[in-house]
Amino acid sequence: QFDPERGSSIAWLSAIARNRSLDWRRSQRPMTNDELDQIEDDAPSALDAVIKQQQWQRVLKELAQLSAREREHLHAAFVDGKSYDALAKRDGIPLGTMKSWMRRALMKVRSAVEEQALGYRA
């Protein structure tokens, strides 16, 4: 019985639906190990997660090596979503100059990360 004094109607319906689904699942036969092995898991493996974390650490380390201006422009473009044109107008410089600065900053990060991944430093 629904009692509005005890809570909202949506919470009451959610509890009924949850309890019914749990009852139904418990009434089913347990899955065998072979059936469990057939379930696909889209989550990355632990090794993939570690590799991705190391790559991000490299990128962050290399971003810290950039000048404050380069970091600020990259952040504004790729985190805040500012266009190169908007950044150029904000800083009072030609659009081509902004594009060149951004390309150089990205190439510095890319080059350093690639070199570190290969195990040498130029």
PDB file of N, CA and C in Angstrom:
ATOM      1  N   GLN A   1       0.839  -1.184   0.000  1.00  0.00           N
ATOM      2  CA  GLN A   1       0.000   0.000   0.000  1.00  0.00           C
ATOM      3  C   GLN A   1       0.883   1.246   0.000  1.00  0.00           C
ATOM      4  N   PHE A   2       0.550   2.181  -0.870  1.00  0.00           N
ATOM      5  CA  PHE A   2       1.292   3.433  -0.936  1.00  0.00           C
ATOM      6  C   PHE A   2       0.828   4.369   0.176  1.00  0.00           C
ATOM      7  N   ASP A   3       1.792   4.919   0.913  1.00  0.00           N
ATOM      8  CA  ASP A   3       1.499   5.860   1.990  1.00  0.00           C
ATOM      9  C   ASP A   3       2.293   7.142   1.721  1.00  0.00           C
ATOM     10  N   PRO A   4       1.589   8.233   1.325  1.00  0.00           N
ATOM     11  CA  PRO A   4       2.314   9.470   0.989  1.00  0.00           C
ATOM     12  C   PRO A   4       3.071  10.061   2.164  1.00  0.00           C
ATOM     13  N   GLU A   5       2.745   9.662   3.359  1.00  0.00           N
ATOM     14  CA  GLU A   5       3.450  10.147   4.545  1.00  0.00           C
ATOM     15  C   GLU A   5       4.865   9.581   4.624  1.00  0.00           C
ATOM     16  N   ARG A   6       5.076   8.419   4.015  1.00  0.00           N
ATOM     17  CA  ARG A   6       6.365   7.729   4.129  1.00  0.00           C
ATOM     18  C   ARG A   6       7.329   8.056   2.997  1.00  0.00           C
ATOM     19  N   GLY A   7       6.864   8.682   1.945  1.00  0.00           N
ATOM     20  CA  GLY A   7       7.776   9.027   0.865  1.00  0.00           C
ATOM     21  C   GLY A   7       7.047   9.320  -0.427  1.00  0.00           C
ATOM     22  N   SER A   8       7.822   9.551  -1.471  1.00  0.00           N
ATOM     23  CA  SER A   8       7.238   9.911  -2.764  1.00  0.00           C
ATOM     24  C   SER A   8       6.753   8.668  -3.502  1.00  0.00           C
ATOM     25  N   SER A   9       5.873   8.885  -4.446  1.00  0.00           N
ATOM     26  CA  SER A   9       5.326   7.771  -5.225  1.00  0.00           C
ATOM     27  C   SER A   9       6.395   7.141  -6.116  1.00  0.00           C
ATOM     28  N   ILE A  10       7.308   7.953  -6.645  1.00  0.00           N
ATOM     29  CA  ILE A  10       8.356   7.410  -7.524  1.00  0.00           C
ATOM     30  C   ILE A  10       9.295   6.502  -6.738  1.00  0.00           C
ATOM     31  N   ALA A  11       9.599   6.861  -5.509  1.00  0.00           N
ATOM     32  CA  ALA A  11      10.458   6.008  -4.686  1.00  0.00           C
ATOM     33  C   ALA A  11       9.748   4.696  -4.370  1.00  0.00           C
ATOM     34  N   TRP A  12       8.453   4.762  -4.108  1.00  0.00           N
ATOM     35  CA  TRP A  12       7.670   3.563  -3.820  1.00  0.00           C
ATOM     36  C   TRP A  12       7.645   2.632  -5.035  1.00  0.00           C
ATOM     37  N   LEU A  13       7.391   3.209  -6.235  1.00  0.00           N
ATOM     38  CA  LEU A  13       7.382   2.404  -7.456  1.00  0.00           C
ATOM     39  C   LEU A  13       8.765   1.829  -7.760  1.00  0.00           C
ATOM     40  N   SER A  14       9.791   2.599  -7.524  1.00  0.00           N
ATOM     41  CA  SER A  14      11.159   2.118  -7.762  1.00  0.00           C
ATOM     42  C   SER A  14      11.486   0.945  -6.851  1.00  0.00           C
ATOM     43  N   ALA A  15      11.078   1.026  -5.599  1.00  0.00           N
ATOM     44  CA  ALA A  15      11.332  -0.074  -4.661  1.00  0.00           C
ATOM     45  C   ALA A  15      10.600  -1.334  -5.091  1.00  0.00           C
ATOM     46  N   ILE A  16       9.358  -1.194  -5.532  1.00  0.00           N
ATOM     47  CA  ILE A  16       8.605  -2.367  -6.005  1.00  0.00           C
ATOM     48  C   ILE A  16       9.289  -2.985  -7.218  1.00  0.00           C
ATOM     49  N   ALA A  17       9.659  -2.161  -8.182  1.00  0.00           N
ATOM     50  CA  ALA A  17      10.315  -2.663  -9.395  1.00  0.00           C
ATOM     51  C   ALA A  17      11.636  -3.342  -9.053  1.00  0.00           C
ATOM     52  N   ARG A  18      12.403  -2.752  -8.184  1.00  0.00           N
ATOM     53  CA  ARG A  18      13.685  -3.338  -7.779  1.00  0.00           C
ATOM     54  C   ARG A  18      13.472  -4.686  -7.100  1.00  0.00           C
ATOM     55  N   ASN A  19      12.562  -4.732  -6.161  1.00  0.00           N
ATOM     56  CA  ASN A  19      12.320  -5.986  -5.431  1.00  0.00           C
ATOM     57  C   ASN A  19      11.807  -7.080  -6.353  1.00  0.00           C
ATOM     58  N   ARG A  20      10.930  -6.734  -7.284  1.00  0.00           N
ATOM     59  CA  ARG A  20      10.417  -7.740  -8.230  1.00  0.00           C
ATOM     60  C   ARG A  20      11.527  -8.268  -9.127  1.00  0.00           C
ATOM     61  N   SER A  21      12.387  -7.371  -9.591  1.00  0.00           N
ATOM     62  CA  SER A  21      13.480  -7.823 -10.463  1.00  0.00           C
ATOM     63  C   SER A  21      14.465  -8.698  -9.690  1.00  0.00           C
ATOM     64  N   LEU A  22      14.729  -8.367  -8.437  1.00  0.00           N
ATOM     65  CA  LEU A  22      15.605  -9.215  -7.618  1.00  0.00           C
ATOM     66  C   LEU A  22      14.965 -10.584  -7.377  1.00  0.00           C
ATOM     67  N   ASP A  23      13.691 -10.605  -7.096  1.00  0.00           N
ATOM     68  CA  ASP A  23      12.988 -11.880  -6.903  1.00  0.00           C
ATOM     69  C   ASP A  23      13.056 -12.728  -8.161  1.00  0.00           C
ATOM     70  N   TRP A  24      12.841 -12.099  -9.331  1.00  0.00           N
ATOM     71  CA  TRP A  24      12.898 -12.838 -10.591  1.00  0.00           C
ATOM     72  C   TRP A  24      14.296 -13.396 -10.824  1.00  0.00           C
ATOM     73  N   ARG A  25      15.319 -12.577 -10.595  1.00  0.00           N
ATOM     74  CA  ARG A  25      16.699 -13.031 -10.822  1.00  0.00           C
ATOM     75  C   ARG A  25      17.061 -14.172  -9.891  1.00  0.00           C
ATOM     76  N   ARG A  26      16.651 -14.100  -8.661  1.00  0.00           N
ATOM     77  CA  ARG A  26      16.954 -15.166  -7.704  1.00  0.00           C
ATOM     78  C   ARG A  26      16.253 -16.463  -8.067  1.00  0.00           C
ATOM     79  N   SER A  27      15.121 -16.371  -8.760  1.00  0.00           N
ATOM     80  CA  SER A  27      14.386 -17.580  -9.148  1.00  0.00           C
ATOM     81  C   SER A  27      15.024 -18.285 -10.342  1.00  0.00           C
ATOM     82  N   GLN A  28      15.910 -17.617 -11.064  1.00  0.00           N
ATOM     83  CA  GLN A  28      16.576 -18.203 -12.225  1.00  0.00           C
ATOM     84  C   GLN A  28      17.718 -19.108 -11.768  1.00  0.00           C
ATOM     85  N   ARG A  29      18.077 -20.042 -12.638  1.00  0.00           N
ATOM     86  CA  ARG A  29      19.201 -20.923 -12.303  1.00  0.00           C
ATOM     87  C   ARG A  29      20.506 -20.140 -12.387  1.00  0.00           C
ATOM     88  N   PRO A  30      21.488 -20.470 -11.563  1.00  0.00           N
ATOM     89  CA  PRO A  30      22.777 -19.772 -11.614  1.00  0.00           C
ATOM     90  C   PRO A  30      23.474 -20.027 -12.954  1.00  0.00           C
ATOM     91  N   MET A  31      24.253 -19.072 -13.383  1.00  0.00           N
ATOM     92  CA  MET A  31      25.009 -19.234 -14.627  1.00  0.00           C
ATOM     93  C   MET A  31      26.223 -20.116 -14.376  1.00  0.00           C
ATOM     94  N   THR A  32      26.564 -20.929 -15.369  1.00  0.00           N
ATOM     95  CA  THR A  32      27.759 -21.765 -15.265  1.00  0.00           C
ATOM     96  C   THR A  32      28.984 -20.918 -15.583  1.00  0.00           C
ATOM     97  N   ASN A  33      30.165 -21.462 -15.264  1.00  0.00           N
ATOM     98  CA  ASN A  33      31.413 -20.747 -15.568  1.00  0.00           C
ATOM     99  C   ASN A  33      31.557 -20.506 -17.063  1.00  0.00           C
ATOM    100  N   ASP A  34      31.135 -21.473 -17.885  1.00  0.00           N
ATOM    101  CA  ASP A  34      31.217 -21.297 -19.335  1.00  0.00           C
ATOM    102  C   ASP A  34      30.331 -20.140 -19.799  1.00  0.00           C
ATOM    103  N   GLU A  35      29.141 -20.037 -19.214  1.00  0.00           N
ATOM    104  CA  GLU A  35      28.244 -18.938 -19.569  1.00  0.00           C
ATOM    105  C   GLU A  35      28.821 -17.600 -19.110  1.00  0.00           C
ATOM    106  N   LEU A  36      29.429 -17.612 -17.933  1.00  0.00           N
ATOM    107  CA  LEU A  36      30.043 -16.379 -17.436  1.00  0.00           C
ATOM    108  C   LEU A  36      31.205 -15.936 -18.321  1.00  0.00           C
ATOM    109  N   ASP A  37      31.961 -16.920 -18.847  1.00  0.00           N
ATOM    110  CA  ASP A  37      33.091 -16.595 -19.721  1.00  0.00           C
ATOM    111  C   ASP A  37      32.627 -15.989 -21.042  1.00  0.00           C
ATOM    112  N   GLN A  38      31.391 -16.257 -21.442  1.00  0.00           N
ATOM    113  CA  GLN A  38      30.861 -15.741 -22.707  1.00  0.00           C
ATOM    114  C   GLN A  38      30.467 -14.274 -22.623  1.00  0.00           C
ATOM    115  N   ILE A  39      30.298 -13.754 -21.411  1.00  0.00           N
ATOM    116  CA  ILE A  39      29.911 -12.354 -21.243  1.00  0.00           C
ATOM    117  C   ILE A  39      31.098 -11.483 -21.602  1.00  0.00           C
ATOM    118  N   GLU A  40      30.874 -10.551 -22.536  1.00  0.00           N
ATOM    119  CA  GLU A  40      31.952  -9.670 -22.954  1.00  0.00           C
ATOM    120  C   GLU A  40      32.111  -8.522 -21.976  1.00  0.00           C
ATOM    121  N   ASP A  41      33.359  -8.178 -21.732  1.00  0.00           N
ATOM    122  CA  ASP A  41      33.679  -7.077 -20.824  1.00  0.00           C
ATOM    123  C   ASP A  41      34.381  -5.994 -21.632  1.00  0.00           C
ATOM    124  N   ASP A  42      33.741  -4.845 -21.750  1.00  0.00           N
ATOM    125  CA  ASP A  42      34.312  -3.743 -22.529  1.00  0.00           C
ATOM    126  C   ASP A  42      35.293  -2.891 -21.733  1.00  0.00           C
ATOM    127  N   ALA A  43      35.425  -3.180 -20.452  1.00  0.00           N
ATOM    128  CA  ALA A  43      36.335  -2.397 -19.617  1.00  0.00           C
ATOM    129  C   ALA A  43      37.783  -2.661 -20.043  1.00  0.00           C
ATOM    130  N   PRO A  44      38.636  -1.630 -19.990  1.00  0.00           N
ATOM    131  CA  PRO A  44      40.031  -1.850 -20.351  1.00  0.00           C
ATOM    132  C   PRO A  44      40.718  -2.759 -19.339  1.00  0.00           C
ATOM    133  N   SER A  45      41.706  -3.477 -19.825  1.00  0.00           N
ATOM    134  CA  SER A  45      42.453  -4.355 -18.923  1.00  0.00           C
ATOM    135  C   SER A  45      43.293  -3.498 -17.977  1.00  0.00           C
ATOM    136  N   ALA A  46      43.769  -4.108 -16.924  1.00  0.00           N
ATOM    137  CA  ALA A  46      44.602  -3.381 -15.960  1.00  0.00           C
ATOM    138  C   ALA A  46      45.861  -2.853 -16.649  1.00  0.00           C
ATOM    139  N   LEU A  47      46.443  -3.660 -17.536  1.00  0.00           N
ATOM    140  CA  LEU A  47      47.641  -3.229 -18.261  1.00  0.00           C
ATOM    141  C   LEU A  47      47.334  -2.014 -19.128  1.00  0.00           C
ATOM    142  N   ASP A  48      46.213  -2.029 -19.844  1.00  0.00           N
ATOM    143  CA  ASP A  48      45.837  -0.886 -20.678  1.00  0.00           C
ATOM    144  C   ASP A  48      45.636   0.367 -19.832  1.00  0.00           C
ATOM    145  N   ALA A  49      45.032   0.206 -18.668  1.00  0.00           N
ATOM    146  CA  ALA A  49      44.805   1.349 -17.779  1.00  0.00           C
ATOM    147  C   ALA A  49      46.123   1.935 -17.290  1.00  0.00           C
ATOM    148  N   VAL A  50      47.087   1.071 -16.966  1.00  0.00           N
ATOM    149  CA  VAL A  50      48.400   1.544 -16.505  1.00  0.00           C
ATOM    150  C   VAL A  50      49.126   2.268 -17.630  1.00  0.00           C
ATOM    151  N   ILE A  51      49.081   1.708 -18.828  1.00  0.00           N
ATOM    152  CA  ILE A  51      49.746   2.335 -19.972  1.00  0.00           C
ATOM    153  C   ILE A  51      49.133   3.696 -20.260  1.00  0.00           C
ATOM    154  N   LYS A  52      47.804   3.770 -20.238  1.00  0.00           N
ATOM    155  CA  LYS A  52      47.139   5.044 -20.492  1.00  0.00           C
ATOM    156  C   LYS A  52      47.507   6.075 -19.423  1.00  0.00           C
ATOM    157  N   GLN A  53      47.570   5.648 -18.175  1.00  0.00           N
ATOM    158  CA  GLN A  53      47.947   6.556 -17.086  1.00  0.00           C
ATOM    159  C   GLN A  53      49.375   7.072 -17.277  1.00  0.00           C
ATOM    160  N   GLN A  54      50.286   6.181 -17.684  1.00  0.00           N
ATOM    161  CA  GLN A  54      51.668   6.598 -17.926  1.00  0.00           C
ATOM    162  C   GLN A  54      51.750   7.585 -19.082  1.00  0.00           C
ATOM    163  N   GLN A  55      50.951   7.361 -20.125  1.00  0.00           N
ATOM    164  CA  GLN A  55      50.946   8.287 -21.247  1.00  0.00           C
ATOM    165  C   GLN A  55      50.457   9.662 -20.809  1.00  0.00           C
ATOM    166  N   TRP A  56      49.398   9.699 -20.008  1.00  0.00           N
ATOM    167  CA  TRP A  56      48.898  10.981 -19.513  1.00  0.00           C
ATOM    168  C   TRP A  56      49.931  11.667 -18.642  1.00  0.00           C
ATOM    169  N   GLN A  57      50.662  10.901 -17.826  1.00  0.00           N
ATOM    170  CA  GLN A  57      51.702  11.490 -16.988  1.00  0.00           C
ATOM    171  C   GLN A  57      52.783  12.131 -17.856  1.00  0.00           C
ATOM    172  N   ARG A  58      53.137  11.467 -18.968  1.00  0.00           N
ATOM    173  CA  ARG A  58      54.125  12.038 -19.889  1.00  0.00           C
ATOM    174  C   ARG A  58      53.622  13.353 -20.488  1.00  0.00           C
ATOM    175  N   VAL A  59      52.366  13.345 -20.926  1.00  0.00           N
ATOM    176  CA  VAL A  59      51.793  14.553 -21.531  1.00  0.00           C
ATOM    177  C   VAL A  59      51.786  15.696 -20.515  1.00  0.00           C
ATOM    178  N   LEU A  60      51.340  15.407 -19.295  1.00  0.00           N
ATOM    179  CA  LEU A  60      51.292  16.454 -18.267  1.00  0.00           C
ATOM    180  C   LEU A  60      52.689  16.977 -17.939  1.00  0.00           C
ATOM    181  N   LYS A  61      53.669  16.072 -17.910  1.00  0.00           N
ATOM    182  CA  LYS A  61      55.051  16.489 -17.643  1.00  0.00           C
ATOM    183  C   LYS A  61      55.548  17.413 -18.744  1.00  0.00           C
ATOM    184  N   GLU A  62      55.248  17.060 -19.978  1.00  0.00           N
ATOM    185  CA  GLU A  62      55.711  17.883 -21.094  1.00  0.00           C
ATOM    186  C   GLU A  62      54.953  19.208 -21.163  1.00  0.00           C
ATOM    187  N   LEU A  63      53.678  19.213 -20.810  1.00  0.00           N
ATOM    188  CA  LEU A  63      52.939  20.472 -20.768  1.00  0.00           C
ATOM    189  C   LEU A  63      53.537  21.417 -19.738  1.00  0.00           C
ATOM    190  N   ALA A  64      54.016  20.859 -18.634  1.00  0.00           N
ATOM    191  CA  ALA A  64      54.635  21.687 -17.592  1.00  0.00           C
ATOM    192  C   ALA A  64      55.936  22.317 -18.090  1.00  0.00           C
ATOM    193  N   GLN A  65      56.563  21.725 -19.102  1.00  0.00           N
ATOM    194  CA  GLN A  65      57.813  22.260 -19.654  1.00  0.00           C
ATOM    195  C   GLN A  65      57.576  23.442 -20.596  1.00  0.00           C
ATOM    196  N   LEU A  66      56.341  23.626 -21.059  1.00  0.00           N
ATOM    197  CA  LEU A  66      56.039  24.720 -21.979  1.00  0.00           C
ATOM    198  C   LEU A  66      56.051  26.057 -21.239  1.00  0.00           C
ATOM    199  N   SER A  67      56.148  27.124 -22.008  1.00  0.00           N
ATOM    200  CA  SER A  67      56.064  28.454 -21.401  1.00  0.00           C
ATOM    201  C   SER A  67      54.636  28.681 -20.913  1.00  0.00           C
ATOM    202  N   ALA A  68      54.487  29.655 -20.041  1.00  0.00           N
ATOM    203  CA  ALA A  68      53.155  29.968 -19.497  1.00  0.00           C
ATOM    204  C   ALA A  68      52.202  30.369 -20.620  1.00  0.00           C
ATOM    205  N   ARG A  69      52.699  31.119 -21.587  1.00  0.00           N
ATOM    206  CA  ARG A  69      51.865  31.544 -22.716  1.00  0.00           C
ATOM    207  C   ARG A  69      51.389  30.338 -23.521  1.00  0.00           C
ATOM    208  N   GLU A  70      52.310  29.414 -23.809  1.00  0.00           N
ATOM    209  CA  GLU A  70      51.944  28.226 -24.586  1.00  0.00           C
ATOM    210  C   GLU A  70      50.909  27.378 -23.845  1.00  0.00           C
ATOM    211  N   ARG A  71      51.147  27.175 -22.551  1.00  0.00           N
ATOM    212  CA  ARG A  71      50.187  26.392 -21.744  1.00  0.00           C
ATOM    213  C   ARG A  71      48.819  27.060 -21.717  1.00  0.00           C
ATOM    214  N   GLU A  72      48.808  28.367 -21.533  1.00  0.00           N
ATOM    215  CA  GLU A  72      47.542  29.090 -21.457  1.00  0.00           C
ATOM    216  C   GLU A  72      46.775  28.995 -22.771  1.00  0.00           C
ATOM    217  N   HIS A  73      47.475  29.139 -23.893  1.00  0.00           N
ATOM    218  CA  HIS A  73      46.813  29.052 -25.192  1.00  0.00           C
ATOM    219  C   HIS A  73      46.279  27.639 -25.445  1.00  0.00           C
ATOM    220  N   LEU A  74      47.067  26.621 -25.145  1.00  0.00           N
ATOM    221  CA  LEU A  74      46.597  25.248 -25.332  1.00  0.00           C
ATOM    222  C   LEU A  74      45.384  24.970 -24.446  1.00  0.00           C
ATOM    223  N   HIS A  75      45.435  25.431 -23.220  1.00  0.00           N
ATOM    224  CA  HIS A  75      44.312  25.231 -22.296  1.00  0.00           C
ATOM    225  C   HIS A  75      43.054  25.929 -22.818  1.00  0.00           C
ATOM    226  N   ALA A  76      43.231  27.173 -23.251  1.00  0.00           N
ATOM    227  CA  ALA A  76      42.083  27.933 -23.752  1.00  0.00           C
ATOM    228  C   ALA A  76      41.461  27.265 -24.974  1.00  0.00           C
ATOM    229  N   ALA A  77      42.307  26.726 -25.853  1.00  0.00           N
ATOM    230  CA  ALA A  77      41.794  26.108 -27.077  1.00  0.00           C
ATOM    231  C   ALA A  77      41.190  24.732 -26.824  1.00  0.00           C
ATOM    232  N   PHE A  78      41.885  23.882 -26.077  1.00  0.00           N
ATOM    233  CA  PHE A  78      41.475  22.489 -25.990  1.00  0.00           C
ATOM    234  C   PHE A  78      40.652  22.144 -24.756  1.00  0.00           C
ATOM    235  N   VAL A  79      40.676  22.983 -23.746  1.00  0.00           N
ATOM    236  CA  VAL A  79      39.855  22.739 -22.560  1.00  0.00           C
ATOM    237  C   VAL A  79      38.653  23.677 -22.552  1.00  0.00           C
ATOM    238  N   ASP A  80      38.924  24.962 -22.771  1.00  0.00           N
ATOM    239  CA  ASP A  80      37.836  25.945 -22.745  1.00  0.00           C
ATOM    240  C   ASP A  80      37.079  26.032 -24.063  1.00  0.00           C
ATOM    241  N   GLY A  81      37.646  25.456 -25.132  1.00  0.00           N
ATOM    242  CA  GLY A  81      36.956  25.434 -26.420  1.00  0.00           C
ATOM    243  C   GLY A  81      37.034  26.723 -27.217  1.00  0.00           C
ATOM    244  N   LYS A  82      38.001  27.563 -26.911  1.00  0.00           N
ATOM    245  CA  LYS A  82      38.159  28.814 -27.658  1.00  0.00           C
ATOM    246  C   LYS A  82      38.742  28.508 -29.041  1.00  0.00           C
ATOM    247  N   SER A  83      38.311  29.266 -30.022  1.00  0.00           N
ATOM    248  CA  SER A  83      38.865  29.099 -31.365  1.00  0.00           C
ATOM    249  C   SER A  83      40.194  29.837 -31.460  1.00  0.00           C
ATOM    250  N   TYR A  84      41.006  29.432 -32.425  1.00  0.00           N
ATOM    251  CA  TYR A  84      42.276  30.123 -32.637  1.00  0.00           C
ATOM    252  C   TYR A  84      42.014  31.589 -32.975  1.00  0.00           C
ATOM    253  N   ASP A  85      40.959  31.836 -33.749  1.00  0.00           N
ATOM    254  CA  ASP A  85      40.613  33.202 -34.131  1.00  0.00           C
ATOM    255  C   ASP A  85      40.279  34.027 -32.889  1.00  0.00           C
ATOM    256  N   ALA A  86      39.501  33.470 -31.978  1.00  0.00           N
ATOM    257  CA  ALA A  86      39.137  34.199 -30.752  1.00  0.00           C
ATOM    258  C   ALA A  86      40.372  34.484 -29.903  1.00  0.00           C
ATOM    259  N   LEU A  87      41.281  33.523 -29.821  1.00  0.00           N
ATOM    260  CA  LEU A  87      42.509  33.730 -29.048  1.00  0.00           C
ATOM    261  C   LEU A  87      43.379  34.814 -29.687  1.00  0.00           C
ATOM    262  N   ALA A  88      43.462  34.787 -31.029  1.00  0.00           N
ATOM    263  CA  ALA A  88      44.267  35.788 -31.730  1.00  0.00           C
ATOM    264  C   ALA A  88      43.696  37.186 -31.501  1.00  0.00           C
ATOM    265  N   LYS A  89      42.379  37.311 -31.592  1.00  0.00           N
ATOM    266  CA  LYS A  89      41.746  38.621 -31.366  1.00  0.00           C
ATOM    267  C   LYS A  89      41.948  39.069 -29.927  1.00  0.00           C
ATOM    268  N   ARG A  90      41.800  38.136 -28.988  1.00  0.00           N
ATOM    269  CA  ARG A  90      41.973  38.473 -27.571  1.00  0.00           C
ATOM    270  C   ARG A  90      43.383  38.999 -27.293  1.00  0.00           C
ATOM    271  N   ASP A  91      44.389  38.356 -27.927  1.00  0.00           N
ATOM    272  CA  ASP A  91      45.783  38.748 -27.696  1.00  0.00           C
ATOM    273  C   ASP A  91      46.272  39.841 -28.649  1.00  0.00           C
ATOM    274  N   GLY A  92      45.423  40.220 -29.613  1.00  0.00           N
ATOM    275  CA  GLY A  92      45.796  41.278 -30.545  1.00  0.00           C
ATOM    276  C   GLY A  92      46.900  40.880 -31.498  1.00  0.00           C
ATOM    277  N   ILE A  93      46.890  39.629 -31.956  1.00  0.00           N
ATOM    278  CA  ILE A  93      47.907  39.154 -32.902  1.00  0.00           C
ATOM    279  C   ILE A  93      47.214  38.576 -34.132  1.00  0.00           C
ATOM    280  N   PRO A  94      47.947  38.455 -35.249  1.00  0.00           N
ATOM    281  CA  PRO A  94      47.342  37.869 -36.451  1.00  0.00           C
ATOM    282  C   PRO A  94      46.982  36.391 -36.219  1.00  0.00           C
ATOM    283  N   LEU A  95      45.939  35.951 -36.911  1.00  0.00           N
ATOM    284  CA  LEU A  95      45.495  34.566 -36.793  1.00  0.00           C
ATOM    285  C   LEU A  95      46.610  33.584 -37.177  1.00  0.00           C
ATOM    286  N   GLY A  96      47.353  33.893 -38.227  1.00  0.00           N
ATOM    287  CA  GLY A  96      48.443  33.020 -38.655  1.00  0.00           C
ATOM    288  C   GLY A  96      49.503  32.835 -37.574  1.00  0.00           C
ATOM    289  N   THR A  97      49.777  33.896 -36.830  1.00  0.00           N
ATOM    290  CA  THR A  97      50.741  33.819 -35.734  1.00  0.00           C
ATOM    291  C   THR A  97      50.225  32.882 -34.648  1.00  0.00           C
ATOM    292  N   MET A  98      48.941  33.019 -34.311  1.00  0.00           N
ATOM    293  CA  MET A  98      48.356  32.146 -33.291  1.00  0.00           C
ATOM    294  C   MET A  98      48.423  30.684 -33.729  1.00  0.00           C
ATOM    295  N   LYS A  99      48.090  30.437 -34.987  1.00  0.00           N
ATOM    296  CA  LYS A  99      48.145  29.061 -35.497  1.00  0.00           C
ATOM    297  C   LYS A  99      49.570  28.507 -35.408  1.00  0.00           C
ATOM    298  N   SER A 100      50.547  29.331 -35.743  1.00  0.00           N
ATOM    299  CA  SER A 100      51.943  28.893 -35.673  1.00  0.00           C
ATOM    300  C   SER A 100      52.357  28.592 -34.235  1.00  0.00           C
ATOM    301  N   TRP A 101      51.985  29.465 -33.312  1.00  0.00           N
ATOM    302  CA  TRP A 101      52.311  29.240 -31.896  1.00  0.00           C
ATOM    303  C   TRP A 101      51.688  27.937 -31.395  1.00  0.00           C
ATOM    304  N   MET A 102      50.432  27.744 -31.751  1.00  0.00           N
ATOM    305  CA  MET A 102      49.731  26.536 -31.288  1.00  0.00           C
ATOM    306  C   MET A 102      50.384  25.284 -31.881  1.00  0.00           C
ATOM    307  N   ARG A 103      50.711  25.339 -33.161  1.00  0.00           N
ATOM    308  CA  ARG A 103      51.330  24.178 -33.805  1.00  0.00           C
ATOM    309  C   ARG A 103      52.675  23.867 -33.172  1.00  0.00           C
ATOM    310  N   ARG A 104      53.482  24.889 -32.927  1.00  0.00           N
ATOM    311  CA  ARG A 104      54.781  24.668 -32.291  1.00  0.00           C
ATOM    312  C   ARG A 104      54.633  24.069 -30.901  1.00  0.00           C
ATOM    313  N   ALA A 105      53.688  24.577 -30.124  1.00  0.00           N
ATOM    314  CA  ALA A 105      53.480  24.048 -28.767  1.00  0.00           C
ATOM    315  C   ALA A 105      53.036  22.583 -28.826  1.00  0.00           C
ATOM    316  N   LEU A 106      52.118  22.265 -29.717  1.00  0.00           N
ATOM    317  CA  LEU A 106      51.659  20.879 -29.850  1.00  0.00           C
ATOM    318  C   LEU A 106      52.784  19.969 -30.331  1.00  0.00           C
ATOM    319  N   MET A 107      53.603  20.464 -31.257  1.00  0.00           N
ATOM    320  CA  MET A 107      54.723  19.662 -31.764  1.00  0.00           C
ATOM    321  C   MET A 107      55.755  19.412 -30.662  1.00  0.00           C
ATOM    322  N   LYS A 108      55.986  20.386 -29.781  1.00  0.00           N
ATOM    323  CA  LYS A 108      56.915  20.189 -28.662  1.00  0.00           C
ATOM    324  C   LYS A 108      56.434  19.050 -27.765  1.00  0.00           C
ATOM    325  N   VAL A 109      55.150  19.095 -27.422  1.00  0.00           N
ATOM    326  CA  VAL A 109      54.597  18.056 -26.553  1.00  0.00           C
ATOM    327  C   VAL A 109      54.647  16.705 -27.249  1.00  0.00           C
ATOM    328  N   ARG A 110      54.227  16.663 -28.496  1.00  0.00           N
ATOM    329  CA  ARG A 110      54.214  15.399 -29.240  1.00  0.00           C
ATOM    330  C   ARG A 110      55.618  14.825 -29.368  1.00  0.00           C
ATOM    331  N   SER A 111      56.563  15.640 -29.748  1.00  0.00           N
ATOM    332  CA  SER A 111      57.937  15.188 -29.936  1.00  0.00           C
ATOM    333  C   SER A 111      58.525  14.650 -28.634  1.00  0.00           C
ATOM    334  N   ALA A 112      58.315  15.374 -27.555  1.00  0.00           N
ATOM    335  CA  ALA A 112      58.871  14.950 -26.272  1.00  0.00           C
ATOM    336  C   ALA A 112      58.244  13.646 -25.800  1.00  0.00           C
ATOM    337  N   VAL A 113      56.937  13.497 -25.977  1.00  0.00           N
ATOM    338  CA  VAL A 113      56.253  12.269 -25.558  1.00  0.00           C
ATOM    339  C   VAL A 113      56.716  11.095 -26.411  1.00  0.00           C
ATOM    340  N   GLU A 114      56.852  11.299 -27.715  1.00  0.00           N
ATOM    341  CA  GLU A 114      57.318  10.226 -28.595  1.00  0.00           C
ATOM    342  C   GLU A 114      58.750   9.819 -28.253  1.00  0.00           C
ATOM    343  N   GLU A 115      59.614  10.804 -28.009  1.00  0.00           N
ATOM    344  CA  GLU A 115      61.000  10.509 -27.656  1.00  0.00           C
ATOM    345  C   GLU A 115      61.076   9.740 -26.348  1.00  0.00           C
ATOM    346  N   GLN A 116      60.290  10.149 -25.388  1.00  0.00           N
ATOM    347  CA  GLN A 116      60.301   9.467 -24.087  1.00  0.00           C
ATOM    348  C   GLN A 116      59.784   8.041 -24.226  1.00  0.00           C
ATOM    349  N   ALA A 117      58.775   7.849 -25.080  1.00  0.00           N
ATOM    350  CA  ALA A 117      58.211   6.505 -25.286  1.00  0.00           C
ATOM    351  C   ALA A 117      59.254   5.600 -25.947  1.00  0.00           C
ATOM    352  N   LEU A 118      60.107   6.182 -26.794  1.00  0.00           N
ATOM    353  CA  LEU A 118      61.133   5.397 -27.471  1.00  0.00           C
ATOM    354  C   LEU A 118      62.384   5.238 -26.625  1.00  0.00           C
ATOM    355  N   GLY A 119      62.468   5.987 -25.532  1.00  0.00           N
ATOM    356  CA  GLY A 119      63.579   5.815 -24.591  1.00  0.00           C
ATOM    357  C   GLY A 119      64.786   6.686 -24.840  1.00  0.00           C
ATOM    358  N   TYR A 120      64.656   7.732 -25.623  1.00  0.00           N
ATOM    359  CA  TYR A 120      65.791   8.626 -25.809  1.00  0.00           C
ATOM    360  C   TYR A 120      65.308  10.064 -25.802  1.00  0.00           C
ATOM    361  N   ARG A 121      66.237  10.949 -25.613  1.00  0.00           N
ATOM    362  CA  ARG A 121      65.935  12.375 -25.559  1.00  0.00           C
ATOM    363  C   ARG A 121      66.858  13.082 -26.548  1.00  0.00           C
ATOM    364  N   ALA A 122      66.324  13.937 -27.406  1.00  0.00           N
ATOM    365  CA  ALA A 122      67.148  14.632 -28.397  1.00  0.00           C
ATOM    366  C   ALA A 122      67.937  15.745 -27.755  1.00  0.00           C
TER     367      ALA A 122
END
